[in-house]
Amino acid sequence: FAHEVALDISSLPCFPQGEALKSPPVSELTRKCLARLAGRCPGAKDPSLEQLQEEVKKVFSMQVEYWPASLLHQPNVDITLQDVQAQLAEFERYHQALDGKPQRTAYFPRLLFPAPARS
């Protein structure tokens, strides 16, 4: 998670854009989604990091075809490689849930007042 926070912070205009951010590391969920899209077997060995990054870039390059320039008469924002990776990870979570293996975590609502003590 720290890596994702660093990527989010580094995308702010006050930070210089370096070459390292142009090809971010590929997360586990993104790897699984890329394998699913490429038709690789779930147990097969992962391709090299360079090949995975190229696959992410290929998906990224398809944005021209599938990402509209405007939506509801408002211009859309440009998406980045990090956005594509996040979308691939969400797509993989969706498919895992369809397969009956959702990633559930405990939900703790934020309260304005402390919860009453239990006796």
PDB file of N, CA and C in Angstrom:
ATOM      1  N   PHE A   1       0.814  -1.188   0.000  1.00  0.00           N
ATOM      2  CA  PHE A   1       0.000   0.000   0.000  1.00  0.00           C
ATOM      3  C   PHE A   1       0.864   1.261   0.000  1.00  0.00           C
ATOM      4  N   ALA A   2       2.025   1.183   0.644  1.00  0.00           N
ATOM      5  CA  ALA A   2       2.903   2.347   0.705  1.00  0.00           C
ATOM      6  C   ALA A   2       3.342   2.763  -0.696  1.00  0.00           C
ATOM      7  N   HIS A   3       3.574   1.778  -1.560  1.00  0.00           N
ATOM      8  CA  HIS A   3       3.982   2.086  -2.926  1.00  0.00           C
ATOM      9  C   HIS A   3       2.881   2.847  -3.653  1.00  0.00           C
ATOM     10  N   GLU A   4       1.626   2.440  -3.461  1.00  0.00           N
ATOM     11  CA  GLU A   4       0.510   3.124  -4.113  1.00  0.00           C
ATOM     12  C   GLU A   4       0.373   4.549  -3.603  1.00  0.00           C
ATOM     13  N   VAL A   5       0.579   4.750  -2.304  1.00  0.00           N
ATOM     14  CA  VAL A   5       0.525   6.101  -1.742  1.00  0.00           C
ATOM     15  C   VAL A   5       1.629   6.954  -2.346  1.00  0.00           C
ATOM     16  N   ALA A   6       2.831   6.384  -2.463  1.00  0.00           N
ATOM     17  CA  ALA A   6       3.949   7.128  -3.057  1.00  0.00           C
ATOM     18  C   ALA A   6       3.641   7.498  -4.507  1.00  0.00           C
ATOM     19  N   LEU A   7       3.032   6.591  -5.249  1.00  0.00           N
ATOM     20  CA  LEU A   7       2.674   6.901  -6.631  1.00  0.00           C
ATOM     21  C   LEU A   7       1.628   7.996  -6.687  1.00  0.00           C
ATOM     22  N   ASP A   8       0.639   7.946  -5.794  1.00  0.00           N
ATOM     23  CA  ASP A   8      -0.395   8.979  -5.766  1.00  0.00           C
ATOM     24  C   ASP A   8       0.210  10.336  -5.441  1.00  0.00           C
ATOM     25  N   ILE A   9       1.072  10.373  -4.441  1.00  0.00           N
ATOM     26  CA  ILE A   9       1.699  11.638  -4.050  1.00  0.00           C
ATOM     27  C   ILE A   9       2.590  12.163  -5.164  1.00  0.00           C
ATOM     28  N   SER A  10       3.324  11.266  -5.813  1.00  0.00           N
ATOM     29  CA  SER A  10       4.259  11.699  -6.846  1.00  0.00           C
ATOM     30  C   SER A  10       3.549  12.227  -8.085  1.00  0.00           C
ATOM     31  N   SER A  11       2.249  11.949  -8.225  1.00  0.00           N
ATOM     32  CA  SER A  11       1.530  12.460  -9.388  1.00  0.00           C
ATOM     33  C   SER A  11       1.047  13.895  -9.186  1.00  0.00           C
ATOM     34  N   LEU A  12       1.241  14.437  -7.989  1.00  0.00           N
ATOM     35  CA  LEU A  12       0.863  15.829  -7.739  1.00  0.00           C
ATOM     36  C   LEU A  12       1.784  16.761  -8.521  1.00  0.00           C
ATOM     37  N   PRO A  13       1.268  17.907  -8.941  1.00  0.00           N
ATOM     38  CA  PRO A  13       2.074  18.809  -9.774  1.00  0.00           C
ATOM     39  C   PRO A  13       3.342  19.322  -9.095  1.00  0.00           C
ATOM     40  N   CYS A  14       3.392  19.341  -7.763  1.00  0.00           N
ATOM     41  CA  CYS A  14       4.570  19.877  -7.086  1.00  0.00           C
ATOM     42  C   CYS A  14       5.749  18.905  -7.109  1.00  0.00           C
ATOM     43  N   PHE A  15       5.554  17.657  -7.540  1.00  0.00           N
ATOM     44  CA  PHE A  15       6.631  16.687  -7.609  1.00  0.00           C
ATOM     45  C   PHE A  15       7.092  16.524  -9.061  1.00  0.00           C
ATOM     46  N   PRO A  16       8.404  16.451  -9.281  1.00  0.00           N
ATOM     47  CA  PRO A  16       8.878  16.235 -10.656  1.00  0.00           C
ATOM     48  C   PRO A  16       8.521  14.824 -11.123  1.00  0.00           C
ATOM     49  N   GLN A  17       8.198  14.709 -12.382  1.00  0.00           N
ATOM     50  CA  GLN A  17       7.850  13.406 -12.946  1.00  0.00           C
ATOM     51  C   GLN A  17       9.108  12.718 -13.443  1.00  0.00           C
ATOM     52  N   GLY A  18       9.427  11.591 -12.857  1.00  0.00           N
ATOM     53  CA  GLY A  18      10.641  10.865 -13.224  1.00  0.00           C
ATOM     54  C   GLY A  18      10.344   9.692 -14.129  1.00  0.00           C
ATOM     55  N   GLU A  19      11.399   9.145 -14.707  1.00  0.00           N
ATOM     56  CA  GLU A  19      11.269   7.990 -15.582  1.00  0.00           C
ATOM     57  C   GLU A  19      10.761   6.762 -14.836  1.00  0.00           C
ATOM     58  N   ALA A  20      11.066   6.652 -13.542  1.00  0.00           N
ATOM     59  CA  ALA A  20      10.678   5.473 -12.775  1.00  0.00           C
ATOM     60  C   ALA A  20       9.166   5.326 -12.698  1.00  0.00           C
ATOM     61  N   LEU A  21       8.435   6.426 -12.799  1.00  0.00           N
ATOM     62  CA  LEU A  21       6.981   6.355 -12.676  1.00  0.00           C
ATOM     63  C   LEU A  21       6.302   6.014 -13.998  1.00  0.00           C
ATOM     64  N   LYS A  22       7.040   6.050 -15.092  1.00  0.00           N
ATOM     65  CA  LYS A  22       6.428   5.750 -16.380  1.00  0.00           C
ATOM     66  C   LYS A  22       6.118   4.266 -16.525  1.00  0.00           C
ATOM     67  N   SER A  23       6.847   3.412 -15.827  1.00  0.00           N
ATOM     68  CA  SER A  23       6.598   1.969 -15.840  1.00  0.00           C
ATOM     69  C   SER A  23       6.540   1.475 -14.398  1.00  0.00           C
ATOM     70  N   PRO A  24       5.403   1.675 -13.749  1.00  0.00           N
ATOM     71  CA  PRO A  24       5.314   1.274 -12.342  1.00  0.00           C
ATOM     72  C   PRO A  24       5.357  -0.237 -12.186  1.00  0.00           C
ATOM     73  N   PRO A  25       5.780  -0.729 -11.021  1.00  0.00           N
ATOM     74  CA  PRO A  25       5.749  -2.169 -10.775  1.00  0.00           C
ATOM     75  C   PRO A  25       4.321  -2.701 -10.909  1.00  0.00           C
ATOM     76  N   VAL A  26       4.196  -3.964 -11.236  1.00  0.00           N
ATOM     77  CA  VAL A  26       2.894  -4.575 -11.482  1.00  0.00           C
ATOM     78  C   VAL A  26       2.441  -5.306 -10.216  1.00  0.00           C
ATOM     79  N   SER A  27       1.259  -4.955  -9.711  1.00  0.00           N
ATOM     80  CA  SER A  27       0.744  -5.579  -8.492  1.00  0.00           C
ATOM     81  C   SER A  27       0.286  -7.009  -8.763  1.00  0.00           C
ATOM     82  N   GLU A  28       0.079  -7.760  -7.688  1.00  0.00           N
ATOM     83  CA  GLU A  28      -0.345  -9.159  -7.808  1.00  0.00           C
ATOM     84  C   GLU A  28      -1.704  -9.263  -8.514  1.00  0.00           C
ATOM     85  N   LEU A  29      -2.649  -8.415  -8.136  1.00  0.00           N
ATOM     86  CA  LEU A  29      -3.971  -8.459  -8.778  1.00  0.00           C
ATOM     87  C   LEU A  29      -3.876  -8.088 -10.254  1.00  0.00           C
ATOM     88  N   THR A  30      -3.020  -7.125 -10.584  1.00  0.00           N
ATOM     89  CA  THR A  30      -2.838  -6.748 -11.987  1.00  0.00           C
ATOM     90  C   THR A  30      -2.222  -7.906 -12.761  1.00  0.00           C
ATOM     91  N   ARG A  31      -1.252  -8.613 -12.152  1.00  0.00           N
ATOM     92  CA  ARG A  31      -0.663  -9.789 -12.804  1.00  0.00           C
ATOM     93  C   ARG A  31      -1.729 -10.829 -13.115  1.00  0.00           C
ATOM     94  N   LYS A  32      -2.592 -11.089 -12.131  1.00  0.00           N
ATOM     95  CA  LYS A  32      -3.650 -12.086 -12.332  1.00  0.00           C
ATOM     96  C   LYS A  32      -4.610 -11.657 -13.429  1.00  0.00           C
ATOM     97  N   CYS A  33      -4.949 -10.374 -13.454  1.00  0.00           N
ATOM     98  CA  CYS A  33      -5.865  -9.884 -14.482  1.00  0.00           C
ATOM     99  C   CYS A  33      -5.232  -9.965 -15.863  1.00  0.00           C
ATOM    100  N   LEU A  34      -3.952  -9.589 -15.963  1.00  0.00           N
ATOM    101  CA  LEU A  34      -3.268  -9.686 -17.257  1.00  0.00           C
ATOM    102  C   LEU A  34      -3.192 -11.132 -17.720  1.00  0.00           C
ATOM    103  N   ALA A  35      -2.965 -12.059 -16.780  1.00  0.00           N
ATOM    104  CA  ALA A  35      -2.946 -13.482 -17.138  1.00  0.00           C
ATOM    105  C   ALA A  35      -4.314 -13.915 -17.634  1.00  0.00           C
ATOM    106  N   ARG A  36      -5.365 -13.435 -16.981  1.00  0.00           N
ATOM    107  CA  ARG A  36      -6.730 -13.763 -17.394  1.00  0.00           C
ATOM    108  C   ARG A  36      -7.004 -13.234 -18.804  1.00  0.00           C
ATOM    109  N   LEU A  37      -6.611 -11.995 -19.060  1.00  0.00           N
ATOM    110  CA  LEU A  37      -6.850 -11.389 -20.370  1.00  0.00           C
ATOM    111  C   LEU A  37      -6.032 -12.062 -21.465  1.00  0.00           C
ATOM    112  N   ALA A  38      -4.823 -12.522 -21.114  1.00  0.00           N
ATOM    113  CA  ALA A  38      -3.956 -13.172 -22.103  1.00  0.00           C
ATOM    114  C   ALA A  38      -4.261 -14.655 -22.258  1.00  0.00           C
ATOM    115  N   GLY A  39      -5.150 -15.205 -21.393  1.00  0.00           N
ATOM    116  CA  GLY A  39      -5.498 -16.615 -21.484  1.00  0.00           C
ATOM    117  C   GLY A  39      -4.450 -17.541 -20.894  1.00  0.00           C
ATOM    118  N   ARG A  40      -3.584 -17.011 -20.020  1.00  0.00           N
ATOM    119  CA  ARG A  40      -2.585 -17.865 -19.378  1.00  0.00           C
ATOM    120  C   ARG A  40      -3.237 -18.671 -18.260  1.00  0.00           C
ATOM    121  N   CYS A  41      -2.751 -19.870 -18.038  1.00  0.00           N
ATOM    122  CA  CYS A  41      -3.270 -20.721 -16.963  1.00  0.00           C
ATOM    123  C   CYS A  41      -2.944 -20.097 -15.616  1.00  0.00           C
ATOM    124  N   PRO A  42      -3.868 -20.224 -14.630  1.00  0.00           N
ATOM    125  CA  PRO A  42      -3.621 -19.629 -13.317  1.00  0.00           C
ATOM    126  C   PRO A  42      -2.339 -20.101 -12.640  1.00  0.00           C
ATOM    127  N   GLY A  43      -1.933 -21.333 -12.839  1.00  0.00           N
ATOM    128  CA  GLY A  43      -0.728 -21.848 -12.189  1.00  0.00           C
ATOM    129  C   GLY A  43       0.552 -21.628 -12.982  1.00  0.00           C
ATOM    130  N   ALA A  44       0.431 -21.063 -14.179  1.00  0.00           N
ATOM    131  CA  ALA A  44       1.609 -20.893 -15.038  1.00  0.00           C
ATOM    132  C   ALA A  44       2.559 -19.845 -14.453  1.00  0.00           C
ATOM    133  N   LYS A  45       3.819 -19.982 -14.819  1.00  0.00           N
ATOM    134  CA  LYS A  45       4.833 -19.030 -14.360  1.00  0.00           C
ATOM    135  C   LYS A  45       4.549 -17.657 -14.961  1.00  0.00           C
ATOM    136  N   ASP A  46       4.708 -16.623 -14.113  1.00  0.00           N
ATOM    137  CA  ASP A  46       4.497 -15.257 -14.599  1.00  0.00           C
ATOM    138  C   ASP A  46       5.561 -14.877 -15.614  1.00  0.00           C
ATOM    139  N   PRO A  47       5.174 -14.095 -16.616  1.00  0.00           N
ATOM    140  CA  PRO A  47       6.195 -13.570 -17.532  1.00  0.00           C
ATOM    141  C   PRO A  47       7.100 -12.584 -16.796  1.00  0.00           C
ATOM    142  N   SER A  48       8.112 -12.116 -17.465  1.00  0.00           N
ATOM    143  CA  SER A  48       9.047 -11.168 -16.850  1.00  0.00           C
ATOM    144  C   SER A  48       8.326  -9.857 -16.541  1.00  0.00           C
ATOM    145  N   LEU A  49       8.910  -9.086 -15.635  1.00  0.00           N
ATOM    146  CA  LEU A  49       8.338  -7.788 -15.262  1.00  0.00           C
ATOM    147  C   LEU A  49       8.231  -6.881 -16.484  1.00  0.00           C
ATOM    148  N   GLU A  50       9.232  -6.949 -17.346  1.00  0.00           N
ATOM    149  CA  GLU A  50       9.213  -6.113 -18.555  1.00  0.00           C
ATOM    150  C   GLU A  50       8.037  -6.475 -19.453  1.00  0.00           C
ATOM    151  N   GLN A  51       7.769  -7.784 -19.603  1.00  0.00           N
ATOM    152  CA  GLN A  51       6.647  -8.201 -20.434  1.00  0.00           C
ATOM    153  C   GLN A  51       5.321  -7.767 -19.801  1.00  0.00           C
ATOM    154  N   LEU A  52       5.203  -7.903 -18.488  1.00  0.00           N
ATOM    155  CA  LEU A  52       3.982  -7.466 -17.814  1.00  0.00           C
ATOM    156  C   LEU A  52       3.767  -5.974 -17.970  1.00  0.00           C
ATOM    157  N   GLN A  53       4.843  -5.200 -17.857  1.00  0.00           N
ATOM    158  CA  GLN A  53       4.714  -3.756 -18.051  1.00  0.00           C
ATOM    159  C   GLN A  53       4.319  -3.425 -19.482  1.00  0.00           C
ATOM    160  N   GLU A  54       4.826  -4.186 -20.435  1.00  0.00           N
ATOM    161  CA  GLU A  54       4.419  -3.979 -21.828  1.00  0.00           C
ATOM    162  C   GLU A  54       2.934  -4.304 -22.022  1.00  0.00           C
ATOM    163  N   GLU A  55       2.449  -5.345 -21.337  1.00  0.00           N
ATOM    164  CA  GLU A  55       1.027  -5.685 -21.429  1.00  0.00           C
ATOM    165  C   GLU A  55       0.167  -4.576 -20.831  1.00  0.00           C
ATOM    166  N   VAL A  56       0.622  -3.985 -19.722  1.00  0.00           N
ATOM    167  CA  VAL A  56      -0.115  -2.856 -19.136  1.00  0.00           C
ATOM    168  C   VAL A  56      -0.115  -1.684 -20.107  1.00  0.00           C
ATOM    169  N   LYS A  57       1.026  -1.432 -20.740  1.00  0.00           N
ATOM    170  CA  LYS A  57       1.103  -0.335 -21.713  1.00  0.00           C
ATOM    171  C   LYS A  57       0.200  -0.593 -22.918  1.00  0.00           C
ATOM    172  N   LYS A  58       0.070  -1.859 -23.298  1.00  0.00           N
ATOM    173  CA  LYS A  58      -0.820  -2.194 -24.425  1.00  0.00           C
ATOM    174  C   LYS A  58      -2.269  -1.880 -24.055  1.00  0.00           C
ATOM    175  N   VAL A  59      -2.671  -2.261 -22.834  1.00  0.00           N
ATOM    176  CA  VAL A  59      -4.025  -1.937 -22.375  1.00  0.00           C
ATOM    177  C   VAL A  59      -4.187  -0.420 -22.306  1.00  0.00           C
ATOM    178  N   PHE A  60      -3.163   0.268 -21.806  1.00  0.00           N
ATOM    179  CA  PHE A  60      -3.181   1.720 -21.707  1.00  0.00           C
ATOM    180  C   PHE A  60      -3.354   2.365 -23.083  1.00  0.00           C
ATOM    181  N   SER A  61      -2.690   1.816 -24.096  1.00  0.00           N
ATOM    182  CA  SER A  61      -2.779   2.392 -25.442  1.00  0.00           C
ATOM    183  C   SER A  61      -4.170   2.226 -26.055  1.00  0.00           C
ATOM    184  N   MET A  62      -4.948   1.290 -25.519  1.00  0.00           N
ATOM    185  CA  MET A  62      -6.304   1.076 -26.032  1.00  0.00           C
ATOM    186  C   MET A  62      -7.294   2.121 -25.528  1.00  0.00           C
ATOM    187  N   GLN A  63      -6.844   3.026 -24.640  1.00  0.00           N
ATOM    188  CA  GLN A  63      -7.748   4.025 -24.099  1.00  0.00           C
ATOM    189  C   GLN A  63      -8.314   4.940 -25.177  1.00  0.00           C
ATOM    190  N   VAL A  64      -7.555   5.178 -26.229  1.00  0.00           N
ATOM    191  CA  VAL A  64      -8.023   6.042 -27.307  1.00  0.00           C
ATOM    192  C   VAL A  64      -9.289   5.466 -27.926  1.00  0.00           C
ATOM    193  N   GLU A  65      -9.324   4.143 -28.028  1.00  0.00           N
ATOM    194  CA  GLU A  65     -10.460   3.471 -28.651  1.00  0.00           C
ATOM    195  C   GLU A  65     -11.665   3.361 -27.713  1.00  0.00           C
ATOM    196  N   TYR A  66     -11.403   3.152 -26.408  1.00  0.00           N
ATOM    197  CA  TYR A  66     -12.493   2.850 -25.482  1.00  0.00           C
ATOM    198  C   TYR A  66     -12.811   3.942 -24.468  1.00  0.00           C
ATOM    199  N   TRP A  67     -11.932   4.918 -24.274  1.00  0.00           N
ATOM    200  CA  TRP A  67     -12.148   5.962 -23.274  1.00  0.00           C
ATOM    201  C   TRP A  67     -12.618   7.210 -24.005  1.00  0.00           C
ATOM    202  N   PRO A  68     -13.865   7.652 -23.784  1.00  0.00           N
ATOM    203  CA  PRO A  68     -14.378   8.799 -24.538  1.00  0.00           C
ATOM    204  C   PRO A  68     -13.669  10.098 -24.154  1.00  0.00           C
ATOM    205  N   ALA A  69     -13.595  11.009 -25.101  1.00  0.00           N
ATOM    206  CA  ALA A  69     -12.953  12.305 -24.839  1.00  0.00           C
ATOM    207  C   ALA A  69     -13.815  13.162 -23.919  1.00  0.00           C
ATOM    208  N   SER A  70     -15.134  12.941 -23.969  1.00  0.00           N
ATOM    209  CA  SER A  70     -16.022  13.691 -23.087  1.00  0.00           C
ATOM    210  C   SER A  70     -17.162  12.780 -22.640  1.00  0.00           C
ATOM    211  N   LEU A  71     -17.729  13.149 -21.521  1.00  0.00           N
ATOM    212  CA  LEU A  71     -18.834  12.387 -20.958  1.00  0.00           C
ATOM    213  C   LEU A  71     -19.834  13.387 -20.403  1.00  0.00           C
ATOM    214  N   LEU A  72     -21.074  13.284 -20.850  1.00  0.00           N
ATOM    215  CA  LEU A  72     -22.117  14.231 -20.450  1.00  0.00           C
ATOM    216  C   LEU A  72     -21.681  15.673 -20.702  1.00  0.00           C
ATOM    217  N   HIS A  73     -21.094  15.890 -21.858  1.00  0.00           N
ATOM    218  CA  HIS A  73     -20.647  17.207 -22.322  1.00  0.00           C
ATOM    219  C   HIS A  73     -19.570  17.823 -21.446  1.00  0.00           C
ATOM    220  N   GLN A  74     -18.869  16.996 -20.677  1.00  0.00           N
ATOM    221  CA  GLN A  74     -17.745  17.448 -19.857  1.00  0.00           C
ATOM    222  C   GLN A  74     -16.503  16.695 -20.314  1.00  0.00           C
ATOM    223  N   PRO A  75     -15.366  17.390 -20.462  1.00  0.00           N
ATOM    224  CA  PRO A  75     -14.152  16.681 -20.890  1.00  0.00           C
ATOM    225  C   PRO A  75     -13.698  15.700 -19.820  1.00  0.00           C
ATOM    226  N   ASN A  76     -13.259  14.540 -20.262  1.00  0.00           N
ATOM    227  CA  ASN A  76     -12.722  13.535 -19.342  1.00  0.00           C
ATOM    228  C   ASN A  76     -11.270  13.844 -19.011  1.00  0.00           C
ATOM    229  N   VAL A  77     -10.854  13.393 -17.849  1.00  0.00           N
ATOM    230  CA  VAL A  77      -9.451  13.552 -17.469  1.00  0.00           C
ATOM    231  C   VAL A  77      -8.634  12.479 -18.174  1.00  0.00           C
ATOM    232  N   ASP A  78      -7.379  12.768 -18.378  1.00  0.00           N
ATOM    233  CA  ASP A  78      -6.485  11.773 -18.961  1.00  0.00           C
ATOM    234  C   ASP A  78      -6.155  10.737 -17.895  1.00  0.00           C
ATOM    235  N   ILE A  79      -6.138   9.473 -18.309  1.00  0.00           N
ATOM    236  CA  ILE A  79      -5.788   8.430 -17.358  1.00  0.00           C
ATOM    237  C   ILE A  79      -4.306   8.094 -17.512  1.00  0.00           C
ATOM    238  N   THR A  80      -3.732   7.574 -16.439  1.00  0.00           N
ATOM    239  CA  THR A  80      -2.306   7.253 -16.415  1.00  0.00           C
ATOM    240  C   THR A  80      -2.126   5.739 -16.332  1.00  0.00           C
ATOM    241  N   LEU A  81      -0.875   5.298 -16.396  1.00  0.00           N
ATOM    242  CA  LEU A  81      -0.587   3.873 -16.239  1.00  0.00           C
ATOM    243  C   LEU A  81      -1.039   3.371 -14.873  1.00  0.00           C
ATOM    244  N   GLN A  82      -0.896   4.214 -13.849  1.00  0.00           N
ATOM    245  CA  GLN A  82      -1.345   3.824 -12.516  1.00  0.00           C
ATOM    246  C   GLN A  82      -2.851   3.621 -12.492  1.00  0.00           C
ATOM    247  N   ASP A  83      -3.597   4.469 -13.215  1.00  0.00           N
ATOM    248  CA  ASP A  83      -5.051   4.308 -13.300  1.00  0.00           C
ATOM    249  C   ASP A  83      -5.414   2.991 -13.965  1.00  0.00           C
ATOM    250  N   VAL A  84      -4.702   2.657 -15.036  1.00  0.00           N
ATOM    251  CA  VAL A  84      -4.964   1.403 -15.754  1.00  0.00           C
ATOM    252  C   VAL A  84      -4.677   0.212 -14.844  1.00  0.00           C
ATOM    253  N   GLN A  85      -3.574   0.278 -14.083  1.00  0.00           N
ATOM    254  CA  GLN A  85      -3.273  -0.818 -13.165  1.00  0.00           C
ATOM    255  C   GLN A  85      -4.357  -0.965 -12.109  1.00  0.00           C
ATOM    256  N   ALA A  86      -4.843   0.160 -11.585  1.00  0.00           N
ATOM    257  CA  ALA A  86      -5.903   0.109 -10.582  1.00  0.00           C
ATOM    258  C   ALA A  86      -7.183  -0.477 -11.186  1.00  0.00           C
ATOM    259  N   GLN A  87      -7.490  -0.115 -12.427  1.00  0.00           N
ATOM    260  CA  GLN A  87      -8.672  -0.654 -13.096  1.00  0.00           C
ATOM    261  C   GLN A  87      -8.536  -2.154 -13.334  1.00  0.00           C
ATOM    262  N   LEU A  88      -7.345  -2.602 -13.728  1.00  0.00           N
ATOM    263  CA  LEU A  88      -7.123  -4.032 -13.931  1.00  0.00           C
ATOM    264  C   LEU A  88      -7.268  -4.795 -12.616  1.00  0.00           C
ATOM    265  N   ALA A  89      -6.757  -4.216 -11.528  1.00  0.00           N
ATOM    266  CA  ALA A  89      -6.882  -4.863 -10.219  1.00  0.00           C
ATOM    267  C   ALA A  89      -8.355  -4.949  -9.801  1.00  0.00           C
ATOM    268  N   GLU A  90      -9.120  -3.893 -10.028  1.00  0.00           N
ATOM    269  CA  GLU A  90     -10.550  -3.921  -9.697  1.00  0.00           C
ATOM    270  C   GLU A  90     -11.290  -4.945 -10.556  1.00  0.00           C
ATOM    271  N   PHE A  91     -10.907  -5.040 -11.823  1.00  0.00           N
ATOM    272  CA  PHE A  91     -11.521  -6.018 -12.717  1.00  0.00           C
ATOM    273  C   PHE A  91     -11.243  -7.433 -12.218  1.00  0.00           C
ATOM    274  N   GLU A  92     -10.022  -7.667 -11.721  1.00  0.00           N
ATOM    275  CA  GLU A  92      -9.679  -8.983 -11.177  1.00  0.00           C
ATOM    276  C   GLU A  92     -10.479  -9.259  -9.904  1.00  0.00           C
ATOM    277  N   ARG A  93     -10.639  -8.264  -9.035  1.00  0.00           N
ATOM    278  CA  ARG A  93     -11.464  -8.443  -7.826  1.00  0.00           C
ATOM    279  C   ARG A  93     -12.898  -8.803  -8.198  1.00  0.00           C
ATOM    280  N   TYR A  94     -13.402  -8.146  -9.229  1.00  0.00           N
ATOM    281  CA  TYR A  94     -14.757  -8.433  -9.711  1.00  0.00           C
ATOM    282  C   TYR A  94     -14.860  -9.890 -10.163  1.00  0.00           C
ATOM    283  N   HIS A  95     -13.892 -10.350 -10.934  1.00  0.00           N
ATOM    284  CA  HIS A  95     -13.925 -11.737 -11.410  1.00  0.00           C
ATOM    285  C   HIS A  95     -13.738 -12.735 -10.278  1.00  0.00           C
ATOM    286  N   GLN A  96     -12.916 -12.395  -9.290  1.00  0.00           N
ATOM    287  CA  GLN A  96     -12.780 -13.277  -8.135  1.00  0.00           C
ATOM    288  C   GLN A  96     -14.110 -13.383  -7.389  1.00  0.00           C
ATOM    289  N   ALA A  97     -14.824 -12.282  -7.269  1.00  0.00           N
ATOM    290  CA  ALA A  97     -16.135 -12.315  -6.611  1.00  0.00           C
ATOM    291  C   ALA A  97     -17.119 -13.151  -7.424  1.00  0.00           C
ATOM    292  N   LEU A  98     -17.051 -13.031  -8.755  1.00  0.00           N
ATOM    293  CA  LEU A  98     -17.917 -13.856  -9.607  1.00  0.00           C
ATOM    294  C   LEU A  98     -17.620 -15.337  -9.434  1.00  0.00           C
ATOM    295  N   ASP A  99     -16.351 -15.657  -9.194  1.00  0.00           N
ATOM    296  CA  ASP A  99     -15.937 -17.045  -8.992  1.00  0.00           C
ATOM    297  C   ASP A  99     -16.229 -17.530  -7.576  1.00  0.00           C
ATOM    298  N   GLY A 100     -16.848 -16.678  -6.750  1.00  0.00           N
ATOM    299  CA  GLY A 100     -17.190 -17.072  -5.391  1.00  0.00           C
ATOM    300  C   GLY A 100     -16.074 -16.886  -4.383  1.00  0.00           C
ATOM    301  N   LYS A 101     -15.069 -16.073  -4.733  1.00  0.00           N
ATOM    302  CA  LYS A 101     -13.954 -15.829  -3.823  1.00  0.00           C
ATOM    303  C   LYS A 101     -13.767 -14.328  -3.606  1.00  0.00           C
ATOM    304  N   PRO A 102     -14.761 -13.649  -3.036  1.00  0.00           N
ATOM    305  CA  PRO A 102     -14.611 -12.197  -2.849  1.00  0.00           C
ATOM    306  C   PRO A 102     -13.570 -11.881  -1.785  1.00  0.00           C
ATOM    307  N   GLN A 103     -12.942 -10.743  -1.929  1.00  0.00           N
ATOM    308  CA  GLN A 103     -11.978 -10.270  -0.929  1.00  0.00           C
ATOM    309  C   GLN A 103     -12.730  -9.368   0.035  1.00  0.00           C
ATOM    310  N   ARG A 104     -13.103  -9.924   1.148  1.00  0.00           N
ATOM    311  CA  ARG A 104     -13.862  -9.148   2.119  1.00  0.00           C
ATOM    312  C   ARG A 104     -12.944  -8.718   3.245  1.00  0.00           C
ATOM    313  N   THR A 105     -13.172  -7.513   3.716  1.00  0.00           N
ATOM    314  CA  THR A 105     -12.454  -7.018   4.878  1.00  0.00           C
ATOM    315  C   THR A 105     -13.465  -6.478   5.867  1.00  0.00           C
ATOM    316  N   ALA A 106     -13.058  -6.385   7.093  1.00  0.00           N
ATOM    317  CA  ALA A 106     -13.949  -5.864   8.128  1.00  0.00           C
ATOM    318  C   ALA A 106     -14.224  -4.387   7.874  1.00  0.00           C
ATOM    319  N   TYR A 107     -15.449  -3.977   8.128  1.00  0.00           N
ATOM    320  CA  TYR A 107     -15.838  -2.583   7.959  1.00  0.00           C
ATOM    321  C   TYR A 107     -16.006  -1.955   9.334  1.00  0.00           C
ATOM    322  N   PHE A 108     -15.302  -0.876   9.556  1.00  0.00           N
ATOM    323  CA  PHE A 108     -15.405  -0.154  10.819  1.00  0.00           C
ATOM    324  C   PHE A 108     -15.854   1.267  10.505  1.00  0.00           C
ATOM    325  N   PRO A 109     -17.130   1.594  10.756  1.00  0.00           N
ATOM    326  CA  PRO A 109     -17.598   2.950  10.439  1.00  0.00           C
ATOM    327  C   PRO A 109     -16.927   3.981  11.338  1.00  0.00           C
ATOM    328  N   ARG A 110     -16.718   5.139  10.779  1.00  0.00           N
ATOM    329  CA  ARG A 110     -16.151   6.234  11.565  1.00  0.00           C
ATOM    330  C   ARG A 110     -17.285   6.898  12.346  1.00  0.00           C
ATOM    331  N   LEU A 111     -17.045   7.116  13.600  1.00  0.00           N
ATOM    332  CA  LEU A 111     -18.058   7.713  14.466  1.00  0.00           C
ATOM    333  C   LEU A 111     -17.582   9.068  14.942  1.00  0.00           C
ATOM    334  N   LEU A 112     -18.523   9.998  15.043  1.00  0.00           N
ATOM    335  CA  LEU A 112     -18.179  11.307  15.576  1.00  0.00           C
ATOM    336  C   LEU A 112     -17.961  11.230  17.082  1.00  0.00           C
ATOM    337  N   PHE A 113     -18.702  10.337  17.712  1.00  0.00           N
ATOM    338  CA  PHE A 113     -18.606  10.187  19.156  1.00  0.00           C
ATOM    339  C   PHE A 113     -18.103   8.790  19.456  1.00  0.00           C
ATOM    340  N   PRO A 114     -17.363   8.629  20.526  1.00  0.00           N
ATOM    341  CA  PRO A 114     -16.901   7.278  20.845  1.00  0.00           C
ATOM    342  C   PRO A 114     -18.078   6.349  21.143  1.00  0.00           C
ATOM    343  N   ALA A 115     -17.903   5.124  20.763  1.00  0.00           N
ATOM    344  CA  ALA A 115     -18.948   4.119  21.014  1.00  0.00           C
ATOM    345  C   ALA A 115     -19.100   3.924  22.508  1.00  0.00           C
ATOM    346  N   PRO A 116     -20.324   3.675  22.970  1.00  0.00           N
ATOM    347  CA  PRO A 116     -20.521   3.446  24.402  1.00  0.00           C
ATOM    348  C   PRO A 116     -19.785   2.197  24.858  1.00  0.00           C
ATOM    349  N   ALA A 117     -19.296   2.252  26.063  1.00  0.00           N
ATOM    350  CA  ALA A 117     -18.567   1.107  26.617  1.00  0.00           C
ATOM    351  C   ALA A 117     -19.511  -0.036  26.858  1.00  0.00           C
ATOM    352  N   ARG A 118     -19.062  -1.226  26.549  1.00  0.00           N
ATOM    353  CA  ARG A 118     -19.879  -2.418  26.768  1.00  0.00           C
ATOM    354  C   ARG A 118     -19.637  -2.929  28.169  1.00  0.00           C
ATOM    355  N   SER A 119     -20.698  -3.364  28.830  1.00  0.00           N
ATOM    356  CA  SER A 119     -20.505  -3.879  30.185  1.00  0.00           C
ATOM    357  C   SER A 119     -20.675  -5.382  30.227  1.00  0.00           C
TER     358      SER A 119
END
